[in-house]
């Protein structure tokens, strides 16, 4: 089954701020995650987000571990939450853990 992708305005803002190299890599990774959302692929790893009330939350690390993609899987949906460079990205994860 291929998951349907949805995002929020915060994700769209984060995505628009990415350099073109990271955007191209994101599209390649998204294609893989739609089919296998919990599995790593060529050039990226997937880690389950711990210490959160959201059991379907995952983080994909890509482009030599410089970028992160935060997403959730809920049934047939792949929900894009945030994307960005590694320095500072984890502050967003802290907000997610707190439920904000």
PDB file of N, CA and C in Angstrom:
ATOM      1  N   UNK A   1       0.834  -1.171   0.000  1.00  0.00           N
ATOM      2  CA  UNK A   1       0.000   0.000   0.000  1.00  0.00           C
ATOM      3  C   UNK A   1       0.887   1.244   0.000  1.00  0.00           C
ATOM      4  N   UNK A   2       0.509   2.230  -0.768  1.00  0.00           N
ATOM      5  CA  UNK A   2       1.213   3.506  -0.819  1.00  0.00           C
ATOM      6  C   UNK A   2       0.444   4.516   0.023  1.00  0.00           C
ATOM      7  N   UNK A   3       1.150   5.149   0.955  1.00  0.00           N
ATOM      8  CA  UNK A   3       0.511   6.112   1.850  1.00  0.00           C
ATOM      9  C   UNK A   3       0.231   7.433   1.144  1.00  0.00           C
ATOM     10  N   UNK A   4      -0.827   8.083   1.579  1.00  0.00           N
ATOM     11  CA  UNK A   4      -1.165   9.418   1.081  1.00  0.00           C
ATOM     12  C   UNK A   4      -0.415  10.434   1.932  1.00  0.00           C
ATOM     13  N   UNK A   5       0.162  11.445   1.307  1.00  0.00           N
ATOM     14  CA  UNK A   5       0.996  12.431   1.996  1.00  0.00           C
ATOM     15  C   UNK A   5       0.206  13.708   2.251  1.00  0.00           C
ATOM     16  N   UNK A   6       0.289  14.192   3.493  1.00  0.00           N
ATOM     17  CA  UNK A   6      -0.288  15.480   3.864  1.00  0.00           C
ATOM     18  C   UNK A   6       0.761  16.252   4.664  1.00  0.00           C
ATOM     19  N   UNK A   7       0.625  17.562   4.688  1.00  0.00           N
ATOM     20  CA  UNK A   7       1.553  18.388   5.467  1.00  0.00           C
ATOM     21  C   UNK A   7       0.799  19.559   6.066  1.00  0.00           C
ATOM     22  N   UNK A   8       1.491  20.290   6.926  1.00  0.00           N
ATOM     23  CA  UNK A   8       0.884  21.489   7.504  1.00  0.00           C
ATOM     24  C   UNK A   8       1.652  22.720   7.025  1.00  0.00           C
ATOM     25  N   UNK A   9       1.157  23.889   7.352  1.00  0.00           N
ATOM     26  CA  UNK A   9       1.799  25.119   6.873  1.00  0.00           C
ATOM     27  C   UNK A   9       3.199  25.284   7.442  1.00  0.00           C
ATOM     28  N   UNK A  10       3.441  24.801   8.636  1.00  0.00           N
ATOM     29  CA  UNK A  10       4.787  24.884   9.226  1.00  0.00           C
ATOM     30  C   UNK A  10       5.770  24.078   8.386  1.00  0.00           C
ATOM     31  N   UNK A  11       5.361  22.903   7.951  1.00  0.00           N
ATOM     32  CA  UNK A  11       6.245  22.102   7.109  1.00  0.00           C
ATOM     33  C   UNK A  11       6.524  22.830   5.804  1.00  0.00           C
ATOM     34  N   UNK A  12       5.484  23.387   5.192  1.00  0.00           N
ATOM     35  CA  UNK A  12       5.657  24.098   3.926  1.00  0.00           C
ATOM     36  C   UNK A  12       6.660  25.241   4.067  1.00  0.00           C
ATOM     37  N   UNK A  13       6.599  25.956   5.169  1.00  0.00           N
ATOM     38  CA  UNK A  13       7.538  27.054   5.424  1.00  0.00           C
ATOM     39  C   UNK A  13       8.958  26.506   5.553  1.00  0.00           C
ATOM     40  N   UNK A  14       9.131  25.421   6.315  1.00  0.00           N
ATOM     41  CA  UNK A  14      10.454  24.791   6.470  1.00  0.00           C
ATOM     42  C   UNK A  14      11.004  24.333   5.124  1.00  0.00           C
ATOM     43  N   UNK A  15      10.134  23.701   4.330  1.00  0.00           N
ATOM     44  CA  UNK A  15      10.558  23.176   3.037  1.00  0.00           C
ATOM     45  C   UNK A  15      11.014  24.299   2.113  1.00  0.00           C
ATOM     46  N   UNK A  16      10.282  25.396   2.097  1.00  0.00           N
ATOM     47  CA  UNK A  16      10.639  26.529   1.241  1.00  0.00           C
ATOM     48  C   UNK A  16      12.011  27.109   1.589  1.00  0.00           C
ATOM     49  N   UNK A  17      12.438  26.942   2.837  1.00  0.00           N
ATOM     50  CA  UNK A  17      13.721  27.491   3.281  1.00  0.00           C
ATOM     51  C   UNK A  17      14.911  26.578   2.941  1.00  0.00           C
ATOM     52  N   UNK A  18      14.648  25.370   2.445  1.00  0.00           N
ATOM     53  CA  UNK A  18      15.730  24.424   2.141  1.00  0.00           C
ATOM     54  C   UNK A  18      16.481  24.813   0.871  1.00  0.00           C
ATOM     55  N   UNK A  19      17.782  24.479   0.829  1.00  0.00           N
ATOM     56  CA  UNK A  19      18.508  24.645  -0.434  1.00  0.00           C
ATOM     57  C   UNK A  19      18.038  23.594  -1.445  1.00  0.00           C
ATOM     58  N   UNK A  20      18.291  23.838  -2.709  1.00  0.00           N
ATOM     59  CA  UNK A  20      17.789  22.949  -3.763  1.00  0.00           C
ATOM     60  C   UNK A  20      18.289  21.519  -3.611  1.00  0.00           C
ATOM     61  N   UNK A  21      19.512  21.324  -3.173  1.00  0.00           N
ATOM     62  CA  UNK A  21      20.045  19.972  -2.978  1.00  0.00           C
ATOM     63  C   UNK A  21      19.194  19.182  -1.983  1.00  0.00           C
ATOM     64  N   UNK A  22      18.830  19.807  -0.871  1.00  0.00           N
ATOM     65  CA  UNK A  22      18.022  19.139   0.149  1.00  0.00           C
ATOM     66  C   UNK A  22      16.602  18.881  -0.356  1.00  0.00           C
ATOM     67  N   UNK A  23      16.060  19.796  -1.144  1.00  0.00           N
ATOM     68  CA  UNK A  23      14.715  19.585  -1.705  1.00  0.00           C
ATOM     69  C   UNK A  23      14.699  18.379  -2.640  1.00  0.00           C
ATOM     70  N   UNK A  24      15.697  18.301  -3.517  1.00  0.00           N
ATOM     71  CA  UNK A  24      15.759  17.147  -4.438  1.00  0.00           C
ATOM     72  C   UNK A  24      15.855  15.843  -3.665  1.00  0.00           C
ATOM     73  N   UNK A  25      16.692  15.811  -2.641  1.00  0.00           N
ATOM     74  CA  UNK A  25      16.850  14.590  -1.844  1.00  0.00           C
ATOM     75  C   UNK A  25      15.550  14.256  -1.107  1.00  0.00           C
ATOM     76  N   UNK A  26      14.870  15.261  -0.609  1.00  0.00           N
ATOM     77  CA  UNK A  26      13.597  15.042   0.069  1.00  0.00           C
ATOM     78  C   UNK A  26      12.610  14.311  -0.838  1.00  0.00           C
ATOM     79  N   UNK A  27      12.482  14.754  -2.094  1.00  0.00           N
ATOM     80  CA  UNK A  27      11.523  14.116  -3.007  1.00  0.00           C
ATOM     81  C   UNK A  27      11.871  12.653  -3.236  1.00  0.00           C
ATOM     82  N   UNK A  28      13.150  12.350  -3.329  1.00  0.00           N
ATOM     83  CA  UNK A  28      13.574  10.960  -3.513  1.00  0.00           C
ATOM     84  C   UNK A  28      13.224  10.132  -2.277  1.00  0.00           C
ATOM     85  N   UNK A  29      13.499  10.677  -1.106  1.00  0.00           N
ATOM     86  CA  UNK A  29      13.215   9.974   0.148  1.00  0.00           C
ATOM     87  C   UNK A  29      11.709   9.792   0.332  1.00  0.00           C
ATOM     88  N   UNK A  30      10.941  10.822   0.027  1.00  0.00           N
ATOM     89  CA  UNK A  30       9.491  10.740   0.189  1.00  0.00           C
ATOM     90  C   UNK A  30       8.906   9.607  -0.649  1.00  0.00           C
ATOM     91  N   UNK A  31       9.408   9.430  -1.840  1.00  0.00           N
ATOM     92  CA  UNK A  31       8.944   8.339  -2.693  1.00  0.00           C
ATOM     93  C   UNK A  31       9.135   6.988  -2.002  1.00  0.00           C
ATOM     94  N   UNK A  32      10.257   6.820  -1.349  1.00  0.00           N
ATOM     95  CA  UNK A  32      10.537   5.570  -0.641  1.00  0.00           C
ATOM     96  C   UNK A  32       9.670   5.433   0.614  1.00  0.00           C
ATOM     97  N   UNK A  33       9.537   6.517   1.366  1.00  0.00           N
ATOM     98  CA  UNK A  33       8.763   6.468   2.607  1.00  0.00           C
ATOM     99  C   UNK A  33       7.284   6.209   2.366  1.00  0.00           C
ATOM    100  N   UNK A  34       6.761   6.630   1.243  1.00  0.00           N
ATOM    101  CA  UNK A  34       5.348   6.379   0.941  1.00  0.00           C
ATOM    102  C   UNK A  34       5.065   4.882   0.852  1.00  0.00           C
ATOM    103  N   UNK A  35       6.045   4.123   0.415  1.00  0.00           N
ATOM    104  CA  UNK A  35       5.873   2.667   0.291  1.00  0.00           C
ATOM    105  C   UNK A  35       6.309   1.929   1.554  1.00  0.00           C
ATOM    106  N   UNK A  36       7.374   2.409   2.190  1.00  0.00           N
ATOM    107  CA  UNK A  36       7.937   1.739   3.380  1.00  0.00           C
ATOM    108  C   UNK A  36       8.294   2.805   4.415  1.00  0.00           C
ATOM    109  N   UNK A  37       7.315   3.310   5.174  1.00  0.00           N
ATOM    110  CA  UNK A  37       7.541   4.469   6.036  1.00  0.00           C
ATOM    111  C   UNK A  37       8.423   4.221   7.260  1.00  0.00           C
ATOM    112  N   UNK A  38       8.652   2.968   7.602  1.00  0.00           N
ATOM    113  CA  UNK A  38       9.447   2.684   8.796  1.00  0.00           C
ATOM    114  C   UNK A  38      10.835   2.160   8.466  1.00  0.00           C
ATOM    115  N   UNK A  39      11.175   2.101   7.188  1.00  0.00           N
ATOM    116  CA  UNK A  39      12.438   1.498   6.757  1.00  0.00           C
ATOM    117  C   UNK A  39      13.398   2.539   6.190  1.00  0.00           C
ATOM    118  N   UNK A  40      14.673   2.354   6.497  1.00  0.00           N
ATOM    119  CA  UNK A  40      15.721   3.194   5.922  1.00  0.00           C
ATOM    120  C   UNK A  40      15.884   2.849   4.444  1.00  0.00           C
ATOM    121  N   UNK A  41      16.546   3.716   3.726  1.00  0.00           N
ATOM    122  CA  UNK A  41      16.805   3.485   2.306  1.00  0.00           C
ATOM    123  C   UNK A  41      18.188   3.975   1.946  1.00  0.00           C
ATOM    124  N   UNK A  42      18.495   3.976   0.683  1.00  0.00           N
ATOM    125  CA  UNK A  42      19.797   4.419   0.214  1.00  0.00           C
ATOM    126  C   UNK A  42      19.955   5.906   0.525  1.00  0.00           C
ATOM    127  N   UNK A  43      20.944   6.229   1.329  1.00  0.00           N
ATOM    128  CA  UNK A  43      21.249   7.620   1.648  1.00  0.00           C
ATOM    129  C   UNK A  43      20.462   8.229   2.788  1.00  0.00           C
ATOM    130  N   UNK A  44      19.630   7.440   3.460  1.00  0.00           N
ATOM    131  CA  UNK A  44      18.910   7.979   4.621  1.00  0.00           C
ATOM    132  C   UNK A  44      18.605   6.879   5.626  1.00  0.00           C
ATOM    133  N   UNK A  45      18.479   7.284   6.885  1.00  0.00           N
ATOM    134  CA  UNK A  45      18.097   6.364   7.952  1.00  0.00           C
ATOM    135  C   UNK A  45      16.787   6.847   8.559  1.00  0.00           C
ATOM    136  N   UNK A  46      16.105   5.955   9.253  1.00  0.00           N
ATOM    137  CA  UNK A  46      14.834   6.275   9.901  1.00  0.00           C
ATOM    138  C   UNK A  46      14.919   5.833  11.356  1.00  0.00           C
ATOM    139  N   UNK A  47      14.547   6.749  12.243  1.00  0.00           N
ATOM    140  CA  UNK A  47      14.597   6.478  13.677  1.00  0.00           C
ATOM    141  C   UNK A  47      13.241   6.808  14.282  1.00  0.00           C
ATOM    142  N   UNK A  48      12.734   5.918  15.127  1.00  0.00           N
ATOM    143  CA  UNK A  48      11.480   6.198  15.819  1.00  0.00           C
ATOM    144  C   UNK A  48      11.733   7.268  16.860  1.00  0.00           C
ATOM    145  N   UNK A  49      10.837   8.229  16.948  1.00  0.00           N
ATOM    146  CA  UNK A  49      10.948   9.297  17.928  1.00  0.00           C
ATOM    147  C   UNK A  49      10.540   8.751  19.283  1.00  0.00           C
ATOM    148  N   UNK A  50      11.421   8.900  20.239  1.00  0.00           N
ATOM    149  CA  UNK A  50      11.133   8.418  21.597  1.00  0.00           C
ATOM    150  C   UNK A  50      10.643   9.579  22.452  1.00  0.00           C
ATOM    151  N   UNK A  51      10.133   9.244  23.601  1.00  0.00           N
ATOM    152  CA  UNK A  51       9.641  10.227  24.574  1.00  0.00           C
ATOM    153  C   UNK A  51       8.608  11.173  23.977  1.00  0.00           C
ATOM    154  N   UNK A  52       7.652  10.591  23.300  1.00  0.00           N
ATOM    155  CA  UNK A  52       6.550  11.377  22.751  1.00  0.00           C
ATOM    156  C   UNK A  52       5.257  10.590  22.891  1.00  0.00           C
ATOM    157  N   UNK A  53       4.166  11.309  22.932  1.00  0.00           N
ATOM    158  CA  UNK A  53       2.858  10.662  23.015  1.00  0.00           C
ATOM    159  C   UNK A  53       2.368  10.229  21.642  1.00  0.00           C
ATOM    160  N   UNK A  54       3.170  10.493  20.619  1.00  0.00           N
ATOM    161  CA  UNK A  54       2.778  10.158  19.247  1.00  0.00           C
ATOM    162  C   UNK A  54       3.554   8.926  18.780  1.00  0.00           C
ATOM    163  N   UNK A  55       2.945   7.745  18.864  1.00  0.00           N
ATOM    164  CA  UNK A  55       3.668   6.500  18.573  1.00  0.00           C
ATOM    165  C   UNK A  55       4.103   6.337  17.121  1.00  0.00           C
ATOM    166  N   UNK A  56       3.487   7.043  16.201  1.00  0.00           N
ATOM    167  CA  UNK A  56       3.849   6.911  14.794  1.00  0.00           C
ATOM    168  C   UNK A  56       4.893   7.902  14.323  1.00  0.00           C
ATOM    169  N   UNK A  57       5.487   8.671  15.249  1.00  0.00           N
ATOM    170  CA  UNK A  57       6.441   9.716  14.863  1.00  0.00           C
ATOM    171  C   UNK A  57       7.815   9.112  14.545  1.00  0.00           C
ATOM    172  N   UNK A  58       8.393   9.586  13.439  1.00  0.00           N
ATOM    173  CA  UNK A  58       9.708   9.127  12.988  1.00  0.00           C
ATOM    174  C   UNK A  58      10.531  10.321  12.525  1.00  0.00           C
ATOM    175  N   UNK A  59      11.848  10.132  12.511  1.00  0.00           N
ATOM    176  CA  UNK A  59      12.768  11.130  11.972  1.00  0.00           C
ATOM    177  C   UNK A  59      13.651  10.433  10.947  1.00  0.00           C
ATOM    178  N   UNK A  60      13.694  10.989   9.747  1.00  0.00           N
ATOM    179  CA  UNK A  60      14.600  10.500   8.712  1.00  0.00           C
ATOM    180  C   UNK A  60      15.814  11.419   8.680  1.00  0.00           C
ATOM    181  N   UNK A  61      17.001  10.842   8.741  1.00  0.00           N
ATOM    182  CA  UNK A  61      18.265  11.584   8.675  1.00  0.00           C
ATOM    183  C   UNK A  61      18.791  11.419   7.251  1.00  0.00           C
ATOM    184  N   UNK A  62      19.173  12.539   6.600  1.00  0.00           N
ATOM    185  CA  UNK A  62      19.634  12.423   5.214  1.00  0.00           C
ATOM    186  C   UNK A  62      20.695  13.463   4.878  1.00  0.00           C
ATOM    187  N   UNK A  63      21.255  13.338   3.691  1.00  0.00           N
ATOM    188  CA  UNK A  63      22.358  14.172   3.201  1.00  0.00           C
ATOM    189  C   UNK A  63      23.507  14.212   4.211  1.00  0.00           C
ATOM    190  N   UNK A  64      24.096  13.039   4.396  1.00  0.00           N
ATOM    191  CA  UNK A  64      25.228  12.883   5.314  1.00  0.00           C
ATOM    192  C   UNK A  64      24.901  13.351   6.722  1.00  0.00           C
ATOM    193  N   UNK A  65      23.679  13.082   7.152  1.00  0.00           N
ATOM    194  CA  UNK A  65      23.220  13.388   8.503  1.00  0.00           C
ATOM    195  C   UNK A  65      23.105  14.887   8.778  1.00  0.00           C
ATOM    196  N   UNK A  66      23.045  15.704   7.735  1.00  0.00           N
ATOM    197  CA  UNK A  66      22.941  17.154   7.925  1.00  0.00           C
ATOM    198  C   UNK A  66      21.492  17.628   8.044  1.00  0.00           C
ATOM    199  N   UNK A  67      20.556  16.851   7.544  1.00  0.00           N
ATOM    200  CA  UNK A  67      19.149  17.259   7.532  1.00  0.00           C
ATOM    201  C   UNK A  67      18.270  16.213   8.204  1.00  0.00           C
ATOM    202  N   UNK A  68      17.135  16.697   8.706  1.00  0.00           N
ATOM    203  CA  UNK A  68      16.154  15.836   9.362  1.00  0.00           C
ATOM    204  C   UNK A  68      14.784  16.081   8.749  1.00  0.00           C
ATOM    205  N   UNK A  69      14.027  14.999   8.639  1.00  0.00           N
ATOM    206  CA  UNK A  69      12.630  15.062   8.220  1.00  0.00           C
ATOM    207  C   UNK A  69      11.805  14.425   9.326  1.00  0.00           C
ATOM    208  N   UNK A  70      10.937  15.193   9.935  1.00  0.00           N
ATOM    209  CA  UNK A  70      10.069  14.709  10.998  1.00  0.00           C
ATOM    210  C   UNK A  70       8.702  14.412  10.395  1.00  0.00           C
ATOM    211  N   UNK A  71       8.211  13.199  10.606  1.00  0.00           N
ATOM    212  CA  UNK A  71       6.916  12.806  10.049  1.00  0.00           C
ATOM    213  C   UNK A  71       6.227  11.821  10.963  1.00  0.00           C
ATOM    214  N   UNK A  72       4.949  11.645  10.726  1.00  0.00           N
ATOM    215  CA  UNK A  72       4.140  10.683  11.475  1.00  0.00           C
ATOM    216  C   UNK A  72       3.401   9.785  10.497  1.00  0.00           C
ATOM    217  N   UNK A  73       3.128   8.588  10.949  1.00  0.00           N
ATOM    218  CA  UNK A  73       2.304   7.670  10.173  1.00  0.00           C
ATOM    219  C   UNK A  73       1.035   7.423  10.986  1.00  0.00           C
ATOM    220  N   UNK A  74      -0.096   7.686  10.361  1.00  0.00           N
ATOM    221  CA  UNK A  74      -1.389   7.498  11.010  1.00  0.00           C
ATOM    222  C   UNK A  74      -2.300   6.785  10.018  1.00  0.00           C
ATOM    223  N   UNK A  75      -2.415   5.488  10.165  1.00  0.00           N
ATOM    224  CA  UNK A  75      -3.220   4.706   9.235  1.00  0.00           C
ATOM    225  C   UNK A  75      -2.621   4.751   7.845  1.00  0.00           C
ATOM    226  N   UNK A  76      -3.375   5.291   6.888  1.00  0.00           N
ATOM    227  CA  UNK A  76      -2.909   5.378   5.505  1.00  0.00           C
ATOM    228  C   UNK A  76      -2.295   6.737   5.175  1.00  0.00           C
ATOM    229  N   UNK A  77      -2.031   7.542   6.216  1.00  0.00           N
ATOM    230  CA  UNK A  77      -1.469   8.883   6.004  1.00  0.00           C
ATOM    231  C   UNK A  77      -0.007   8.949   6.426  1.00  0.00           C
ATOM    232  N   UNK A  78       0.776   9.631   5.628  1.00  0.00           N
ATOM    233  CA  UNK A  78       2.144  10.017   5.974  1.00  0.00           C
ATOM    234  C   UNK A  78       2.073  11.530   6.192  1.00  0.00           C
ATOM    235  N   UNK A  79       2.194  11.950   7.443  1.00  0.00           N
ATOM    236  CA  UNK A  79       2.000  13.352   7.809  1.00  0.00           C
ATOM    237  C   UNK A  79       3.363  14.014   7.977  1.00  0.00           C
ATOM    238  N   UNK A  80       3.667  14.982   7.122  1.00  0.00           N
ATOM    239  CA  UNK A  80       4.936  15.702   7.174  1.00  0.00           C
ATOM    240  C   UNK A  80       4.808  16.814   8.202  1.00  0.00           C
ATOM    241  N   UNK A  81       5.690  16.780   9.202  1.00  0.00           N
ATOM    242  CA  UNK A  81       5.604  17.713  10.323  1.00  0.00           C
ATOM    243  C   UNK A  81       6.655  18.810  10.226  1.00  0.00           C
ATOM    244  N   UNK A  82       7.902  18.449   9.934  1.00  0.00           N
ATOM    245  CA  UNK A  82       8.967  19.437   9.866  1.00  0.00           C
ATOM    246  C   UNK A  82      10.163  18.905   9.112  1.00  0.00           C
ATOM    247  N   UNK A  83      10.979  19.816   8.610  1.00  0.00           N
ATOM    248  CA  UNK A  83      12.189  19.433   7.894  1.00  0.00           C
ATOM    249  C   UNK A  83      13.191  20.561   8.081  1.00  0.00           C
ATOM    250  N   UNK A  84      14.471  20.208   8.208  1.00  0.00           N
ATOM    251  CA  UNK A  84      15.462  21.262   8.348  1.00  0.00           C
ATOM    252  C   UNK A  84      16.847  20.730   8.640  1.00  0.00           C
ATOM    253  N   UNK A  85      17.768  21.675   8.759  1.00  0.00           N
ATOM    254  CA  UNK A  85      19.147  21.321   9.070  1.00  0.00           C
ATOM    255  C   UNK A  85      19.255  20.848  10.504  1.00  0.00           C
ATOM    256  N   UNK A  86      20.255  20.020  10.728  1.00  0.00           N
ATOM    257  CA  UNK A  86      20.432  19.421  12.033  1.00  0.00           C
ATOM    258  C   UNK A  86      20.676  20.442  13.138  1.00  0.00           C
ATOM    259  N   UNK A  87      21.577  21.372  13.027  1.00  0.00           N
ATOM    260  CA  UNK A  87      21.715  22.322  14.154  1.00  0.00           C
ATOM    261  C   UNK A  87      20.410  23.079  14.364  1.00  0.00           C
ATOM    262  N   UNK A  88      19.854  22.962  15.565  1.00  0.00           N
ATOM    263  CA  UNK A  88      18.610  23.655  15.881  1.00  0.00           C
ATOM    264  C   UNK A  88      17.351  22.874  15.594  1.00  0.00           C
ATOM    265  N   UNK A  89      17.435  21.819  14.824  1.00  0.00           N
ATOM    266  CA  UNK A  89      16.231  21.074  14.460  1.00  0.00           C
ATOM    267  C   UNK A  89      15.593  20.412  15.675  1.00  0.00           C
ATOM    268  N   UNK A  90      16.395  19.972  16.610  1.00  0.00           N
ATOM    269  CA  UNK A  90      15.849  19.235  17.740  1.00  0.00           C
ATOM    270  C   UNK A  90      15.023  20.093  18.690  1.00  0.00           C
ATOM    271  N   UNK A  91      15.129  21.411  18.594  1.00  0.00           N
ATOM    272  CA  UNK A  91      14.215  22.257  19.380  1.00  0.00           C
ATOM    273  C   UNK A  91      12.780  22.004  18.949  1.00  0.00           C
ATOM    274  N   UNK A  92      12.572  21.749  17.654  1.00  0.00           N
ATOM    275  CA  UNK A  92      11.222  21.427  17.170  1.00  0.00           C
ATOM    276  C   UNK A  92      10.740  20.106  17.749  1.00  0.00           C
ATOM    277  N   UNK A  93      11.652  19.156  17.875  1.00  0.00           N
ATOM    278  CA  UNK A  93      11.265  17.875  18.459  1.00  0.00           C
ATOM    279  C   UNK A  93      10.849  18.053  19.910  1.00  0.00           C
ATOM    280  N   UNK A  94      11.548  18.920  20.626  1.00  0.00           N
ATOM    281  CA  UNK A  94      11.163  19.179  22.021  1.00  0.00           C
ATOM    282  C   UNK A  94       9.758  19.747  22.093  1.00  0.00           C
ATOM    283  N   UNK A  95       9.395  20.653  21.174  1.00  0.00           N
ATOM    284  CA  UNK A  95       8.038  21.214  21.166  1.00  0.00           C
ATOM    285  C   UNK A  95       7.024  20.120  20.854  1.00  0.00           C
ATOM    286  N   UNK A  96       7.387  19.205  19.962  1.00  0.00           N
ATOM    287  CA  UNK A  96       6.467  18.126  19.623  1.00  0.00           C
ATOM    288  C   UNK A  96       6.261  17.202  20.819  1.00  0.00           C
ATOM    289  N   UNK A  97       7.328  16.897  21.526  1.00  0.00           N
ATOM    290  CA  UNK A  97       7.219  16.026  22.697  1.00  0.00           C
ATOM    291  C   UNK A  97       6.293  16.634  23.748  1.00  0.00           C
ATOM    292  N   UNK A  98       6.319  17.976  23.836  1.00  0.00           N
ATOM    293  CA  UNK A  98       5.464  18.667  24.809  1.00  0.00           C
ATOM    294  C   UNK A  98       4.028  18.799  24.316  1.00  0.00           C
ATOM    295  N   UNK A  99       3.795  18.411  23.046  1.00  0.00           N
ATOM    296  CA  UNK A  99       2.452  18.440  22.493  1.00  0.00           C
ATOM    297  C   UNK A  99       2.042  19.780  21.912  1.00  0.00           C
ATOM    298  N   UNK A 100       3.004  20.667  21.686  1.00  0.00           N
ATOM    299  CA  UNK A 100       2.676  21.983  21.100  1.00  0.00           C
ATOM    300  C   UNK A 100       2.739  21.951  19.621  1.00  0.00           C
TER     301      UNK A 100
END
